[in-house]
N, C-alpha and C. Protein backbone atom coordinates (compact mmCIF):
# COMPACT_ATOMS: atom_id res chain seq x y z
N MET A 1 3.31 153.66 168.89
CA MET A 1 3.77 154.55 167.89
C MET A 1 4.38 153.73 166.75
N SER A 2 4.13 154.17 165.55
CA SER A 2 4.62 153.42 164.41
C SER A 2 5.99 153.95 163.98
N ARG A 3 6.74 153.02 163.54
CA ARG A 3 8.08 153.37 163.06
C ARG A 3 8.02 153.62 161.55
N PRO A 4 8.83 154.54 161.06
CA PRO A 4 8.88 154.74 159.60
C PRO A 4 9.56 153.54 158.94
N THR A 5 9.07 153.18 157.82
CA THR A 5 9.69 152.07 157.10
C THR A 5 10.93 152.55 156.36
N ALA A 6 11.85 151.65 156.20
CA ALA A 6 13.09 152.00 155.51
C ALA A 6 12.80 152.20 154.03
N GLN A 7 13.35 153.25 153.49
CA GLN A 7 13.18 153.55 152.08
C GLN A 7 14.08 152.62 151.26
N PRO A 8 13.58 152.13 150.12
CA PRO A 8 14.43 151.28 149.29
C PRO A 8 15.61 152.08 148.75
N VAL A 9 16.73 151.45 148.72
CA VAL A 9 17.96 152.08 148.25
C VAL A 9 18.16 151.69 146.79
N ASP A 10 18.35 152.71 145.95
CA ASP A 10 18.65 152.43 144.54
C ASP A 10 20.09 151.98 144.43
N VAL A 11 20.24 150.83 143.87
CA VAL A 11 21.59 150.30 143.67
C VAL A 11 22.01 150.63 142.25
N VAL A 12 23.02 151.43 142.15
CA VAL A 12 23.56 151.79 140.84
C VAL A 12 24.91 151.12 140.72
N ARG A 13 25.02 150.31 139.73
CA ARG A 13 26.29 149.62 139.52
C ARG A 13 27.29 150.57 138.88
N ARG A 14 28.41 150.65 139.47
CA ARG A 14 29.48 151.50 138.96
C ARG A 14 30.49 150.60 138.26
N HIS A 15 30.61 150.81 136.98
CA HIS A 15 31.58 150.04 136.20
C HIS A 15 32.84 150.87 136.02
N ALA A 16 33.90 150.19 135.86
CA ALA A 16 35.14 150.88 135.56
C ALA A 16 35.02 151.54 134.19
N PRO A 17 35.67 152.65 133.99
CA PRO A 17 35.59 153.29 132.68
C PRO A 17 36.16 152.36 131.61
N PRO A 18 35.60 152.40 130.43
CA PRO A 18 36.11 151.50 129.38
C PRO A 18 37.55 151.83 129.04
N LEU A 19 38.31 150.80 128.81
CA LEU A 19 39.70 150.99 128.43
C LEU A 19 39.76 151.44 126.98
N THR A 20 40.62 152.37 126.73
CA THR A 20 40.75 152.88 125.37
C THR A 20 41.93 152.23 124.68
N VAL A 21 41.80 152.11 123.40
CA VAL A 21 42.85 151.54 122.57
C VAL A 21 43.56 152.70 121.89
N ASP A 22 44.88 152.70 121.96
CA ASP A 22 45.67 153.75 121.33
C ASP A 22 45.67 153.53 119.82
N ASN A 23 44.99 154.40 119.08
CA ASN A 23 44.91 154.26 117.63
C ASN A 23 45.92 155.12 116.91
N ALA A 24 46.66 155.93 117.61
CA ALA A 24 47.66 156.80 116.97
C ALA A 24 48.83 155.94 116.49
N PRO A 25 49.42 156.33 115.38
CA PRO A 25 50.56 155.54 114.90
C PRO A 25 51.75 155.68 115.84
N PRO A 26 52.48 154.60 116.05
CA PRO A 26 53.65 154.68 116.93
C PRO A 26 54.78 155.47 116.25
N THR A 27 55.77 155.84 117.03
CA THR A 27 56.87 156.64 116.50
C THR A 27 57.62 155.92 115.39
N ARG A 28 57.82 154.63 115.54
CA ARG A 28 58.56 153.89 114.50
C ARG A 28 57.81 153.91 113.17
N SER A 29 56.48 153.90 113.23
CA SER A 29 55.69 153.98 112.01
C SER A 29 55.76 155.37 111.40
N LYS A 30 55.78 156.40 112.24
CA LYS A 30 55.90 157.77 111.74
C LYS A 30 57.24 157.99 111.06
N VAL A 31 58.30 157.47 111.66
CA VAL A 31 59.65 157.63 111.08
C VAL A 31 59.73 156.90 109.76
N THR A 32 59.20 155.69 109.70
CA THR A 32 59.24 154.91 108.47
C THR A 32 58.41 155.59 107.38
N GLY A 33 57.26 156.14 107.74
CA GLY A 33 56.45 156.86 106.78
C GLY A 33 57.14 158.12 106.27
N ALA A 34 57.87 158.81 107.16
CA ALA A 34 58.62 159.99 106.75
C ALA A 34 59.75 159.62 105.79
N LEU A 35 60.39 158.48 106.03
CA LEU A 35 61.44 158.02 105.10
C LEU A 35 60.85 157.65 103.75
N ALA A 36 59.65 157.08 103.74
CA ALA A 36 58.99 156.76 102.48
C ALA A 36 58.65 158.05 101.72
N ALA A 37 58.20 159.08 102.43
CA ALA A 37 57.92 160.36 101.79
C ALA A 37 59.19 161.00 101.26
N LEU A 38 60.29 160.85 101.99
CA LEU A 38 61.58 161.39 101.54
C LEU A 38 62.05 160.68 100.27
N ALA A 39 61.88 159.37 100.20
CA ALA A 39 62.25 158.64 98.99
C ALA A 39 61.38 159.07 97.81
N CYS A 40 60.12 159.33 98.06
CA CYS A 40 59.21 159.80 97.01
C CYS A 40 59.62 161.19 96.53
N ALA A 41 60.00 162.06 97.47
CA ALA A 41 60.44 163.40 97.10
C ALA A 41 61.74 163.36 96.31
N ALA A 42 62.63 162.45 96.67
CA ALA A 42 63.88 162.31 95.93
C ALA A 42 63.61 161.82 94.51
N CYS A 43 62.60 160.97 94.37
CA CYS A 43 62.23 160.50 93.03
C CYS A 43 61.70 161.66 92.19
N CYS A 44 60.96 162.56 92.81
CA CYS A 44 60.43 163.71 92.09
C CYS A 44 61.52 164.72 91.74
N ALA A 45 62.63 164.69 92.46
CA ALA A 45 63.73 165.61 92.21
C ALA A 45 64.69 165.11 91.13
N LEU A 46 64.49 163.91 90.63
CA LEU A 46 65.41 163.35 89.63
C LEU A 46 65.48 164.17 88.35
N PRO A 47 64.38 164.69 87.80
CA PRO A 47 64.51 165.49 86.58
C PRO A 47 65.37 166.74 86.76
N VAL A 48 65.30 167.32 87.94
CA VAL A 48 66.14 168.49 88.23
C VAL A 48 67.61 168.08 88.27
N LEU A 49 67.89 166.93 88.83
CA LEU A 49 69.27 166.45 88.90
C LEU A 49 69.82 166.10 87.51
N VAL A 50 68.96 165.60 86.65
CA VAL A 50 69.39 165.32 85.27
C VAL A 50 69.66 166.62 84.54
N ALA A 51 68.79 167.59 84.71
CA ALA A 51 68.97 168.89 84.05
C ALA A 51 70.22 169.60 84.56
N ALA A 52 70.56 169.41 85.82
CA ALA A 52 71.76 170.05 86.38
C ALA A 52 73.03 169.30 85.99
N GLY A 53 72.91 168.13 85.42
CA GLY A 53 74.07 167.36 85.00
C GLY A 53 74.64 166.48 86.09
N VAL A 54 73.94 166.33 87.18
CA VAL A 54 74.43 165.50 88.28
C VAL A 54 74.24 164.02 87.93
N LEU A 55 73.15 163.69 87.26
CA LEU A 55 72.86 162.31 86.86
C LEU A 55 72.70 162.24 85.35
N THR A 56 73.01 161.08 84.82
CA THR A 56 72.74 160.84 83.41
C THR A 56 71.34 160.25 83.29
N GLY A 57 70.86 160.11 82.10
CA GLY A 57 69.53 159.55 81.88
C GLY A 57 69.43 158.12 82.38
N ALA A 58 70.47 157.32 82.13
CA ALA A 58 70.47 155.93 82.59
C ALA A 58 70.54 155.86 84.12
N GLY A 59 71.34 156.73 84.71
CA GLY A 59 71.44 156.76 86.18
C GLY A 59 70.12 157.18 86.81
N ALA A 60 69.44 158.13 86.17
CA ALA A 60 68.15 158.58 86.69
C ALA A 60 67.11 157.47 86.58
N ALA A 61 67.13 156.72 85.48
CA ALA A 61 66.18 155.62 85.32
C ALA A 61 66.40 154.55 86.38
N LEU A 62 67.66 154.24 86.64
CA LEU A 62 67.98 153.25 87.67
C LEU A 62 67.59 153.77 89.05
N ALA A 63 67.90 155.03 89.32
CA ALA A 63 67.57 155.62 90.62
C ALA A 63 66.05 155.70 90.81
N ARG A 64 65.31 156.01 89.73
CA ARG A 64 63.86 156.09 89.85
C ARG A 64 63.26 154.75 90.23
N ASN A 65 63.70 153.70 89.56
CA ASN A 65 63.18 152.36 89.88
C ASN A 65 63.50 151.97 91.32
N MET A 66 64.71 152.29 91.75
CA MET A 66 65.12 151.95 93.10
C MET A 66 64.33 152.77 94.13
N LEU A 67 64.16 154.07 93.89
CA LEU A 67 63.45 154.91 94.84
C LEU A 67 61.97 154.57 94.93
N VAL A 68 61.37 154.21 93.82
CA VAL A 68 59.96 153.80 93.85
C VAL A 68 59.81 152.52 94.67
N ALA A 69 60.71 151.58 94.48
CA ALA A 69 60.66 150.33 95.24
C ALA A 69 60.88 150.57 96.73
N VAL A 70 61.86 151.42 97.05
CA VAL A 70 62.15 151.73 98.46
C VAL A 70 60.95 152.42 99.10
N ALA A 71 60.35 153.38 98.40
CA ALA A 71 59.19 154.09 98.95
C ALA A 71 58.02 153.13 99.17
N ALA A 72 57.81 152.21 98.25
CA ALA A 72 56.71 151.25 98.41
C ALA A 72 56.96 150.31 99.60
N VAL A 73 58.18 149.85 99.74
CA VAL A 73 58.49 148.94 100.86
C VAL A 73 58.37 149.67 102.19
N LEU A 74 58.91 150.90 102.26
CA LEU A 74 58.83 151.66 103.51
C LEU A 74 57.39 152.03 103.86
N GLY A 75 56.59 152.39 102.87
CA GLY A 75 55.19 152.70 103.12
C GLY A 75 54.42 151.50 103.63
N THR A 76 54.67 150.36 103.02
CA THR A 76 54.02 149.12 103.46
C THR A 76 54.47 148.75 104.87
N ALA A 77 55.75 148.92 105.16
CA ALA A 77 56.26 148.61 106.50
C ALA A 77 55.64 149.54 107.54
N ALA A 78 55.48 150.82 107.20
CA ALA A 78 54.88 151.77 108.14
C ALA A 78 53.43 151.39 108.44
N LEU A 79 52.68 151.04 107.42
CA LEU A 79 51.29 150.63 107.63
C LEU A 79 51.21 149.33 108.42
N GLY A 80 52.12 148.41 108.16
CA GLY A 80 52.14 147.15 108.90
C GLY A 80 52.46 147.35 110.37
N MET A 81 53.41 148.25 110.66
CA MET A 81 53.75 148.52 112.06
C MET A 81 52.59 149.20 112.79
N TRP A 82 51.87 150.07 112.09
CA TRP A 82 50.72 150.73 112.70
C TRP A 82 49.62 149.71 112.99
N TRP A 83 49.39 148.80 112.04
CA TRP A 83 48.38 147.76 112.24
C TRP A 83 48.74 146.87 113.43
N LEU A 84 50.01 146.47 113.52
CA LEU A 84 50.43 145.63 114.64
C LEU A 84 50.27 146.37 115.97
N HIS A 85 50.57 147.66 115.98
CA HIS A 85 50.43 148.46 117.19
C HIS A 85 48.97 148.49 117.64
N ARG A 86 48.05 148.72 116.69
CA ARG A 86 46.62 148.75 117.03
C ARG A 86 46.14 147.38 117.49
N ARG A 87 46.62 146.34 116.85
CA ARG A 87 46.19 144.98 117.19
C ARG A 87 46.64 144.61 118.60
N ARG A 88 47.89 144.94 118.94
CA ARG A 88 48.39 144.64 120.27
C ARG A 88 47.64 145.43 121.33
N GLY A 89 47.31 146.68 121.02
CA GLY A 89 46.55 147.50 121.96
C GLY A 89 45.16 146.94 122.19
N ALA A 90 44.50 146.48 121.13
CA ALA A 90 43.17 145.90 121.27
C ALA A 90 43.23 144.59 122.06
N ARG A 91 44.27 143.82 121.84
CA ARG A 91 44.42 142.56 122.57
C ARG A 91 44.67 142.83 124.05
N ALA A 92 45.48 143.85 124.37
CA ALA A 92 45.75 144.18 125.77
C ALA A 92 44.49 144.71 126.45
N ALA A 93 43.70 145.51 125.74
CA ALA A 93 42.45 146.03 126.31
C ALA A 93 41.46 144.90 126.55
N ALA A 94 41.39 143.94 125.66
CA ALA A 94 40.48 142.80 125.85
C ALA A 94 40.93 141.95 127.03
N ALA A 95 42.23 141.80 127.19
CA ALA A 95 42.73 141.01 128.32
C ALA A 95 42.47 141.73 129.64
N ALA A 96 42.55 143.06 129.64
CA ALA A 96 42.29 143.82 130.86
C ALA A 96 40.81 143.77 131.24
N ARG A 97 39.93 143.63 130.27
CA ARG A 97 38.49 143.53 130.55
C ARG A 97 38.09 142.13 130.97
N GLY A 98 38.98 141.21 130.89
CA GLY A 98 38.63 139.84 131.27
C GLY A 98 38.60 138.92 130.07
N GLY A 99 39.00 139.42 128.93
CA GLY A 99 39.02 138.59 127.73
C GLY A 99 37.67 138.47 127.09
N CYS A 100 37.55 137.50 126.24
CA CYS A 100 36.31 137.29 125.50
C CYS A 100 35.50 136.14 126.06
N ALA A 101 35.82 135.69 127.25
CA ALA A 101 35.14 134.52 127.81
C ALA A 101 33.68 134.81 128.14
N ASP A 102 33.34 136.07 128.43
CA ASP A 102 31.95 136.37 128.78
C ASP A 102 31.08 136.62 127.57
N GLY A 103 31.63 136.51 126.39
CA GLY A 103 30.84 136.67 125.17
C GLY A 103 30.65 138.09 124.72
N SER A 104 31.29 139.04 125.38
CA SER A 104 31.15 140.43 125.00
C SER A 104 32.44 140.96 124.41
N CYS A 105 33.00 140.21 123.54
CA CYS A 105 34.28 140.60 122.95
C CYS A 105 34.07 141.69 121.92
N ASP A 106 34.72 142.81 122.11
CA ASP A 106 34.65 143.92 121.17
C ASP A 106 35.97 144.05 120.41
N CYS A 107 36.63 142.96 120.24
CA CYS A 107 37.94 143.01 119.59
C CYS A 107 37.80 143.33 118.12
């Protein structure tokens, strides 16, 4: 009597799910961006403060220059913190995959 031959087994390689990189801005970047928006809003409110007599024209000019500079610095800092957050996340994901030694670096 003949025996049935063993059927070939399909080998399917199971890979770990790809690691995701957190692209959302961190809380510190959100707070800094909100402060930059607040400085911008305060700059837009200066004409109302001059009309109400709270500020003089010279005080408003000085405050405008200062608020524009503060808003620019805070906005740049918020974007820089977000970039650093994304960069660190990408570096951690690459290290968890085994790094770039195998030539498949998606950094």
